[in-house]
Amino acid sequence: VNQIYDRDARTFVLKLQQSGIPEKRLLLLESGTKFLVTKFDAREDPQAMPSPLCSKLRSSLKGKRLTDVKALGRDRVVSLRFGAGPGTFNLFLELYAAGNVVLCDASYVVVA
């Protein structure tokens, strides 16, 4: 993860760098709706001040490797795992109703 931006209260953009590939990818997370990888820069204003949640995501995930993405059971919840070992963070994205974005540490304790 190179950087994280928030487009609005429900939408986050993670700028990802894949090893050996110079081109960066953008992972768009929109709680309650979708998540997708895109080349389109969906940020409204990259220079705007980040929200408190975006700041927490930046401090926790920046520099970490996205190691796993999976759907949880038959629920519309996606788990994204960043890092390995005790420094692991899990980001949960709910894809129903208004949805939520929840950040947990390696012990699944809610951080933000």
Protein backbone atom coordinates (compact mmCIF):
# COMPACT_ATOMS: atom_id res chain seq x y z
CA VAL A 1 0.00 0.00 0.00
CA ASN A 2 1.56 3.27 -1.13
CA GLN A 3 -1.17 5.67 -0.03
CA ILE A 4 -4.82 5.83 1.04
CA TYR A 5 -7.30 8.55 0.14
CA ASP A 6 -10.93 9.13 1.05
CA ARG A 7 -13.27 10.33 -1.63
CA ASP A 8 -16.20 10.78 0.77
CA ALA A 9 -17.39 9.26 4.06
CA ARG A 10 -18.09 5.87 2.40
CA THR A 11 -15.42 5.64 -0.30
CA PHE A 12 -11.71 4.97 0.09
CA VAL A 13 -9.01 4.61 -2.57
CA LEU A 14 -5.91 2.52 -1.82
CA LYS A 15 -2.96 3.12 -4.13
CA LEU A 16 -1.21 -0.25 -4.57
CA GLN A 17 2.20 -1.08 -6.01
CA GLN A 18 2.81 -4.64 -7.22
CA SER A 19 6.37 -5.97 -7.01
CA GLY A 20 8.16 -5.81 -10.35
CA ILE A 21 5.45 -3.73 -12.03
CA PRO A 22 6.04 0.03 -12.25
CA GLU A 23 2.38 0.90 -12.82
CA LYS A 24 0.33 1.56 -9.68
CA ARG A 25 -3.21 0.20 -9.29
CA LEU A 26 -6.04 1.81 -7.37
CA LEU A 27 -8.30 -0.31 -5.17
CA LEU A 28 -11.63 1.47 -4.78
CA LEU A 29 -13.59 0.50 -1.63
CA GLU A 30 -17.14 1.81 -1.38
CA SER A 31 -18.91 0.55 1.73
CA GLY A 32 -22.33 -0.92 1.01
CA THR A 33 -21.75 -1.07 -2.73
CA LYS A 34 -18.53 -2.35 -4.30
CA PHE A 35 -14.80 -2.82 -4.36
CA LEU A 36 -12.74 -2.97 -7.53
CA VAL A 37 -9.28 -2.47 -8.97
CA THR A 38 -9.07 0.37 -11.45
CA LYS A 39 -6.64 2.64 -13.27
CA PHE A 40 -9.13 5.51 -13.03
CA ASP A 41 -8.18 7.98 -10.31
CA ALA A 42 -11.45 8.27 -8.39
CA ARG A 43 -10.14 10.73 -5.81
CA GLU A 44 -12.11 13.98 -5.58
CA ASP A 45 -9.31 16.16 -4.23
CA PRO A 46 -6.01 14.39 -3.45
CA GLN A 47 -4.79 17.45 -1.54
CA ALA A 48 -7.80 17.58 0.83
CA MET A 49 -7.35 16.79 4.53
CA PRO A 50 -8.06 13.10 5.23
CA SER A 51 -10.87 12.05 7.57
CA PRO A 52 -9.95 10.54 10.96
CA LEU A 53 -10.70 7.04 9.61
CA CYS A 54 -8.55 7.64 6.54
CA SER A 55 -5.70 8.86 8.78
CA LYS A 56 -5.96 5.70 10.89
CA LEU A 57 -5.98 3.52 7.75
CA ARG A 58 -2.89 5.36 6.48
CA SER A 59 -0.95 4.93 9.70
CA SER A 60 -1.88 1.23 9.96
CA LEU A 61 -1.71 0.03 6.35
CA LYS A 62 0.84 2.21 4.55
CA GLY A 63 3.79 0.11 3.45
CA LYS A 64 1.96 -3.18 4.16
CA ARG A 65 1.42 -5.90 1.56
CA LEU A 66 -2.11 -7.01 0.65
CA THR A 67 -1.78 -10.74 1.41
CA ASP A 68 -5.35 -12.06 1.22
CA VAL A 69 -8.81 -11.13 -0.04
CA LYS A 70 -11.82 -13.31 0.71
CA ALA A 71 -15.56 -13.28 1.16
CA LEU A 72 -16.72 -14.32 4.62
CA GLY A 73 -19.10 -17.26 4.30
CA ARG A 74 -22.29 -16.46 2.47
CA ASP A 75 -22.44 -12.97 3.92
CA ARG A 76 -21.74 -9.87 1.84
CA VAL A 77 -18.60 -9.03 3.79
CA VAL A 78 -15.11 -8.95 2.27
CA SER A 79 -11.96 -9.36 4.33
CA LEU A 80 -8.70 -7.84 3.14
CA ARG A 81 -5.57 -8.88 5.07
CA PHE A 82 -2.50 -6.65 5.09
CA GLY A 83 0.92 -7.75 6.36
CA ALA A 84 1.96 -10.90 8.20
CA GLY A 85 2.60 -11.93 11.79
CA PRO A 86 1.80 -9.69 14.74
CA GLY A 87 1.75 -6.59 12.50
CA THR A 88 -1.18 -7.93 10.47
CA PHE A 89 -4.28 -5.81 9.94
CA ASN A 90 -7.65 -6.97 8.63
CA LEU A 91 -9.94 -4.56 6.82
CA PHE A 92 -13.59 -5.64 6.61
CA LEU A 93 -15.86 -4.13 3.98
CA GLU A 94 -19.62 -4.66 4.29
CA LEU A 95 -21.40 -4.74 0.93
CA TYR A 96 -25.00 -4.32 2.07
CA ALA A 97 -27.24 -1.40 3.11
CA ALA A 98 -25.07 1.56 4.12
CA GLY A 99 -22.22 -0.82 4.97
CA ASN A 100 -19.20 -0.20 7.16
CA VAL A 101 -15.43 -0.26 6.86
CA VAL A 102 -13.85 -1.84 9.95
CA LEU A 103 -10.11 -2.13 10.67
CA CYS A 104 -8.96 -4.86 13.08
CA ASP A 105 -5.53 -5.85 14.33
CA ALA A 106 -4.02 -9.35 14.14
CA SER A 107 -6.17 -10.47 17.13
CA TYR A 108 -9.34 -9.13 15.42
CA VAL A 109 -9.68 -6.30 17.94
CA VAL A 110 -11.39 -3.32 16.32
CA VAL A 111 -8.91 -0.48 15.78
CA ALA A 112 -11.08 1.85 13.67
